[in-house]
Amino acid sequence: MDMFVFTGILWKEDNEYSALCPELDVASQGKTSAEARKNLLEAASLHLEGSFEDGLPYLRPVTSANDPRNTLPLDTLEIFKFKVDVAVKAYA
């Protein structure tokens, strides 16, 4: 089983929290920071699973202009690393 490590970025927008994985260009939201983080992990896992099953590239980095680390004050962001376990199966 391979382990992939990605970056998560979390910030508050209006009354909700937004979360982004910049390496995958996968985003999610939640009413709390914990919910947004959980939703991001699920979205990243589903993205990777679908990409592998369909033989598509999984890395789709966001552009610098769309990366919150470049557009929002760093003290308003929570940046964290997360891991995704991926089991690869071969079929003939």
C-alpha atoms as a PDB file:
ATOM      1  CA  MET A   1       0.000   0.000   0.000  1.00  0.00           C
ATOM      2  CA  ASP A   2       1.392   3.408  -0.970  1.00  0.00           C
ATOM      3  CA  MET A   3       1.091   6.457   1.276  1.00  0.00           C
ATOM      4  CA  PHE A   4       0.635   9.870  -0.314  1.00  0.00           C
ATOM      5  CA  VAL A   5       1.202  13.073   1.684  1.00  0.00           C
ATOM      6  CA  PHE A   6      -0.587  16.275   0.711  1.00  0.00           C
ATOM      7  CA  THR A   7      -1.091  19.786   2.037  1.00  0.00           C
ATOM      8  CA  GLY A   8      -4.398  21.018   3.410  1.00  0.00           C
ATOM      9  CA  ILE A   9      -5.234  24.697   3.763  1.00  0.00           C
ATOM     10  CA  LEU A  10      -8.135  25.833   5.917  1.00  0.00           C
ATOM     11  CA  TRP A  11      -9.606  29.336   6.310  1.00  0.00           C
ATOM     12  CA  LYS A  12     -12.822  30.996   7.396  1.00  0.00           C
ATOM     13  CA  GLU A  13     -15.068  32.533   4.742  1.00  0.00           C
ATOM     14  CA  ASP A  14     -18.177  34.353   5.948  1.00  0.00           C
ATOM     15  CA  ASN A  15     -20.013  31.844   8.196  1.00  0.00           C
ATOM     16  CA  GLU A  16     -18.297  28.688   6.933  1.00  0.00           C
ATOM     17  CA  TYR A  17     -14.820  27.251   6.593  1.00  0.00           C
ATOM     18  CA  SER A  18     -13.181  26.450   3.277  1.00  0.00           C
ATOM     19  CA  ALA A  19     -10.505  23.813   2.762  1.00  0.00           C
ATOM     20  CA  LEU A  20      -8.210  23.217  -0.216  1.00  0.00           C
ATOM     21  CA  CYS A  21      -5.603  20.668  -1.208  1.00  0.00           C
ATOM     22  CA  PRO A  22      -3.411  22.686  -3.605  1.00  0.00           C
ATOM     23  CA  GLU A  23      -1.589  19.660  -5.059  1.00  0.00           C
ATOM     24  CA  LEU A  24      -4.842  18.050  -6.187  1.00  0.00           C
ATOM     25  CA  ASP A  25      -6.958  21.183  -6.743  1.00  0.00           C
ATOM     26  CA  VAL A  26      -9.629  19.617  -4.542  1.00  0.00           C
ATOM     27  CA  ALA A  27     -11.697  21.817  -2.238  1.00  0.00           C
ATOM     28  CA  SER A  28     -14.446  21.443   0.316  1.00  0.00           C
ATOM     29  CA  GLN A  29     -16.372  23.407   2.939  1.00  0.00           C
ATOM     30  CA  GLY A  30     -17.930  22.906   6.349  1.00  0.00           C
ATOM     31  CA  LYS A  31     -19.755  24.770   9.081  1.00  0.00           C
ATOM     32  CA  THR A  32     -16.786  24.161  11.424  1.00  0.00           C
ATOM     33  CA  SER A  33     -13.068  23.835  10.764  1.00  0.00           C
ATOM     34  CA  ALA A  34     -13.234  20.148  11.790  1.00  0.00           C
ATOM     35  CA  GLU A  35     -16.066  19.485   9.335  1.00  0.00           C
ATOM     36  CA  ALA A  36     -14.247  21.281   6.494  1.00  0.00           C
ATOM     37  CA  ARG A  37     -11.087  19.281   7.212  1.00  0.00           C
ATOM     38  CA  LYS A  38     -13.016  15.979   7.287  1.00  0.00           C
ATOM     39  CA  ASN A  39     -14.802  16.864   4.032  1.00  0.00           C
ATOM     40  CA  LEU A  40     -11.475  17.732   2.367  1.00  0.00           C
ATOM     41  CA  LEU A  41      -9.967  14.379   3.346  1.00  0.00           C
ATOM     42  CA  GLU A  42     -12.975  12.568   1.903  1.00  0.00           C
ATOM     43  CA  ALA A  43     -12.891  14.639  -1.305  1.00  0.00           C
ATOM     44  CA  ALA A  44      -9.155  14.007  -1.763  1.00  0.00           C
ATOM     45  CA  SER A  45      -9.606  10.264  -1.238  1.00  0.00           C
ATOM     46  CA  LEU A  46     -12.459  10.088  -3.750  1.00  0.00           C
ATOM     47  CA  HIS A  47     -10.491  12.156  -6.276  1.00  0.00           C
ATOM     48  CA  LEU A  48      -7.470   9.848  -6.017  1.00  0.00           C
ATOM     49  CA  GLU A  49      -9.585   6.696  -6.212  1.00  0.00           C
ATOM     50  CA  GLY A  50     -11.413   7.931  -9.306  1.00  0.00           C
ATOM     51  CA  SER A  51      -8.225   9.116 -10.989  1.00  0.00           C
ATOM     52  CA  PHE A  52      -6.485   5.777 -10.466  1.00  0.00           C
ATOM     53  CA  GLU A  53      -9.497   3.746 -11.590  1.00  0.00           C
ATOM     54  CA  ASP A  54      -9.896   5.815 -14.762  1.00  0.00           C
ATOM     55  CA  GLY A  55      -6.162   6.076 -15.504  1.00  0.00           C
ATOM     56  CA  LEU A  56      -6.195   9.870 -15.237  1.00  0.00           C
ATOM     57  CA  PRO A  57      -3.535  12.153 -13.776  1.00  0.00           C
ATOM     58  CA  TYR A  58      -4.284  12.879 -10.133  1.00  0.00           C
ATOM     59  CA  LEU A  59      -1.982  15.870  -9.568  1.00  0.00           C
ATOM     60  CA  ARG A  60      -3.586  19.109 -10.745  1.00  0.00           C
ATOM     61  CA  PRO A  61      -1.860  21.933  -8.853  1.00  0.00           C
ATOM     62  CA  VAL A  62      -3.756  25.175  -8.396  1.00  0.00           C
ATOM     63  CA  THR A  63      -2.255  28.246 -10.002  1.00  0.00           C
ATOM     64  CA  SER A  64      -0.350  30.730  -7.846  1.00  0.00           C
ATOM     65  CA  ALA A  65      -3.148  33.264  -8.309  1.00  0.00           C
ATOM     66  CA  ASN A  66      -5.699  30.808  -6.865  1.00  0.00           C
ATOM     67  CA  ASP A  67      -3.563  29.546  -3.976  1.00  0.00           C
ATOM     68  CA  PRO A  68      -4.847  31.034  -0.684  1.00  0.00           C
ATOM     69  CA  ARG A  69      -1.274  31.091   0.653  1.00  0.00           C
ATOM     70  CA  ASN A  70      -0.578  33.778  -1.947  1.00  0.00           C
ATOM     71  CA  THR A  71      -3.846  35.695  -1.662  1.00  0.00           C
ATOM     72  CA  LEU A  72      -4.871  35.604   2.037  1.00  0.00           C
ATOM     73  CA  PRO A  73      -2.913  36.700   5.124  1.00  0.00           C
ATOM     74  CA  LEU A  74      -0.925  33.731   6.447  1.00  0.00           C
ATOM     75  CA  ASP A  75      -2.151  34.342   9.998  1.00  0.00           C
ATOM     76  CA  THR A  76      -5.727  33.586   8.834  1.00  0.00           C
ATOM     77  CA  LEU A  77      -4.792  30.194   7.361  1.00  0.00           C
ATOM     78  CA  GLU A  78      -4.375  26.830   9.014  1.00  0.00           C
ATOM     79  CA  ILE A  79      -1.935  24.729   6.984  1.00  0.00           C
ATOM     80  CA  PHE A  80      -1.640  21.009   7.700  1.00  0.00           C
ATOM     81  CA  LYS A  81      -0.327  17.828   6.104  1.00  0.00           C
ATOM     82  CA  PHE A  82      -2.501  14.773   5.588  1.00  0.00           C
ATOM     83  CA  LYS A  83      -1.869  11.267   4.338  1.00  0.00           C
ATOM     84  CA  VAL A  84      -3.928   9.067   2.065  1.00  0.00           C
ATOM     85  CA  ASP A  85      -3.409   5.308   1.886  1.00  0.00           C
ATOM     86  CA  VAL A  86      -3.893   3.958  -1.615  1.00  0.00           C
ATOM     87  CA  ALA A  87      -4.136   0.288  -2.463  1.00  0.00           C
ATOM     88  CA  VAL A  88      -3.286  -0.451  -6.087  1.00  0.00           C
ATOM     89  CA  LYS A  89      -4.640  -3.658  -7.620  1.00  0.00           C
ATOM     90  CA  ALA A  90      -3.554  -5.143 -10.943  1.00  0.00           C
ATOM     91  CA  TYR A  91      -6.025  -6.960 -13.189  1.00  0.00           C
ATOM     92  CA  ALA A  92      -5.482  -8.873 -16.394  1.00  0.00           C
END
